[in-house]
Each structure stands twice: as structure tokens, then as C-alpha cells.
Amino acid sequence: MNQIDIFKALSNETRLEILKWLKEPEKHFDKPSAHLSKNMNEKGGVCVGDIVEKAGLSQSTISQYLTMLQKAGLLESERHGQWTYYRRNETIIKELWNSLKEEL
């Protein structure tokens, strides 16, 4: 876990919002097609297109944001056909939280 990359990824309001939305996708993405239910895929996830729609930014901008969050380790992705679904990497988020509690 590279904390510098994580903090860079978290330094943008929209990227922070994406992480918040993905914490409770059922609450933030009301379309049934927006996210994979845990029945279909044990890990779940939200489709990029639905994140783009909710954020109100271009697909290229959201793709860059998602890539940055994924490179920092905060997101995981899974491809299903032509769609990519993103979910939070709770392990890394917990590690970051524990590290902050200990070090700061």
C-alpha cells in the first residue's frame, strides 16, 4: 500500500464521492442494471456507465478517476462482457484506516 498514491487519489472531490457511492451502491445507484447484485457476483460492483451518469462528467474523465483509484489500490474491477464493474477494495481501505490510527 503506497499511502502517497492513495492520498493523491483521495485529493479530488469526485473521486472521494465515487468511493462513498461504492460503499453503498444500492442507495446511490437506483437502477437495477447499475450494479451487480451479490447473488449474481459475490463481490458486487457498479457499471462504469452508471458512475459516469451519476457524476455528470465525461466518460474519459471518470475512466481516468477510476484508473487512479484502482492503481492506488482503493478499487477493484471486474469485466462482464463489454461492461466493467467497479467495487471498493475494503482490505486496502481498512489497512489505510488502521495505519492512520496508529501513525497519526
Protein backbone atom coordinates (compact mmCIF):
# COMPACT_ATOMS: atom_id res chain seq x y z
CA MET A 1 0.00 0.00 0.00
CA ASN A 2 1.53 3.27 -1.15
CA GLN A 3 -0.02 5.98 1.01
CA ILE A 4 1.19 8.79 -1.27
CA ASP A 5 -0.72 7.31 -4.25
CA ILE A 6 -3.76 6.79 -2.05
CA PHE A 7 -3.74 10.38 -0.78
CA LYS A 8 -3.28 11.71 -4.32
CA ALA A 9 -6.28 9.65 -5.43
CA LEU A 10 -8.30 10.97 -2.48
CA SER A 11 -7.39 14.61 -3.18
CA ASN A 12 -10.27 15.09 -5.62
CA GLU A 13 -13.87 15.59 -4.51
CA THR A 14 -15.38 13.45 -7.27
CA ARG A 15 -13.01 10.55 -6.58
CA LEU A 16 -13.99 10.74 -2.90
CA GLU A 17 -17.66 10.76 -3.90
CA ILE A 18 -17.15 7.68 -6.07
CA LEU A 19 -15.71 5.82 -3.08
CA LYS A 20 -18.68 6.92 -0.96
CA TRP A 21 -21.16 5.84 -3.64
CA LEU A 22 -19.50 2.45 -3.98
CA LYS A 23 -19.69 1.91 -0.23
CA GLU A 24 -23.49 1.67 -0.53
CA PRO A 25 -24.27 1.10 -4.22
CA GLU A 26 -27.91 0.10 -3.59
CA LYS A 27 -28.51 3.52 -2.00
CA HIS A 28 -26.71 5.62 -4.66
CA PHE A 29 -27.49 3.72 -7.88
CA ASP A 30 -31.21 3.07 -8.05
CA LYS A 31 -31.33 1.42 -11.49
CA PRO A 32 -31.34 -2.38 -11.20
CA SER A 33 -28.85 -2.56 -14.09
CA ALA A 34 -26.40 -0.21 -12.36
CA HIS A 35 -24.83 -2.78 -10.12
CA LEU A 36 -24.30 -6.49 -9.93
CA SER A 37 -26.23 -7.91 -7.05
CA LYS A 38 -24.36 -10.10 -4.64
CA ASN A 39 -26.44 -13.02 -5.95
CA MET A 40 -25.01 -12.64 -9.46
CA ASN A 41 -21.49 -11.96 -8.29
CA GLU A 42 -20.42 -12.49 -4.70
CA LYS A 43 -18.31 -9.33 -4.74
CA GLY A 44 -20.79 -6.98 -6.42
CA GLY A 45 -19.84 -3.88 -8.40
CA VAL A 46 -21.18 -0.83 -10.26
CA CYS A 47 -21.01 -0.33 -14.02
CA VAL A 48 -18.77 2.49 -15.30
CA GLY A 49 -21.61 3.98 -17.33
CA ASP A 50 -23.73 4.43 -14.23
CA ILE A 51 -20.86 6.08 -12.37
CA VAL A 52 -20.42 8.44 -15.35
CA GLU A 53 -24.14 9.26 -15.31
CA LYS A 54 -24.22 9.94 -11.55
CA ALA A 55 -21.05 12.07 -11.60
CA GLY A 56 -22.20 14.13 -14.57
CA LEU A 57 -18.71 14.17 -16.06
CA SER A 58 -17.34 12.75 -19.31
CA GLN A 59 -16.62 9.07 -19.61
CA SER A 60 -12.93 9.78 -20.24
CA THR A 61 -12.66 11.82 -17.03
CA ILE A 62 -14.41 9.16 -14.94
CA SER A 63 -12.28 6.44 -16.54
CA GLN A 64 -9.15 8.37 -15.53
CA TYR A 65 -10.50 8.75 -12.00
CA LEU A 66 -11.37 5.06 -11.73
CA THR A 67 -7.95 4.08 -13.06
CA MET A 68 -6.25 6.32 -10.50
CA LEU A 69 -8.33 4.87 -7.66
CA GLN A 70 -7.59 1.36 -8.89
CA LYS A 71 -3.83 1.98 -9.20
CA ALA A 72 -3.87 3.30 -5.63
CA GLY A 73 -5.47 0.02 -4.62
CA LEU A 74 -8.76 1.56 -3.47
CA LEU A 75 -10.88 -0.07 -6.20
CA GLU A 76 -11.13 -3.44 -7.87
CA SER A 77 -12.71 -4.06 -11.25
CA GLU A 78 -14.31 -6.98 -12.99
CA ARG A 79 -15.28 -7.26 -16.62
CA HIS A 80 -18.57 -8.87 -17.67
CA GLY A 81 -18.91 -8.91 -21.45
CA GLN A 82 -18.46 -5.35 -22.68
CA TRP A 83 -19.10 -3.80 -19.24
CA THR A 84 -16.63 -3.17 -16.45
CA TYR A 85 -17.88 -3.09 -12.88
CA TYR A 86 -16.03 -1.41 -10.01
CA ARG A 87 -16.17 -2.04 -6.28
CA ARG A 88 -14.21 -0.82 -3.29
CA ASN A 89 -11.17 -2.76 -2.11
CA GLU A 90 -12.23 -2.97 1.52
CA THR A 91 -9.00 -4.69 2.55
CA ILE A 92 -6.85 -1.73 1.46
CA ILE A 93 -9.30 0.79 2.89
CA LYS A 94 -9.17 -0.98 6.29
CA GLU A 95 -5.36 -1.16 6.14
CA LEU A 96 -5.22 2.57 5.42
CA TRP A 97 -7.61 3.33 8.28
CA ASN A 98 -5.60 1.20 10.73
CA SER A 99 -2.33 2.75 9.57
CA LEU A 100 -3.71 6.26 10.08
CA LYS A 101 -4.96 5.40 13.56
CA GLU A 102 -1.53 4.07 14.54
CA GLU A 103 0.69 6.66 12.90
CA LEU A 104 -1.24 9.92 13.32
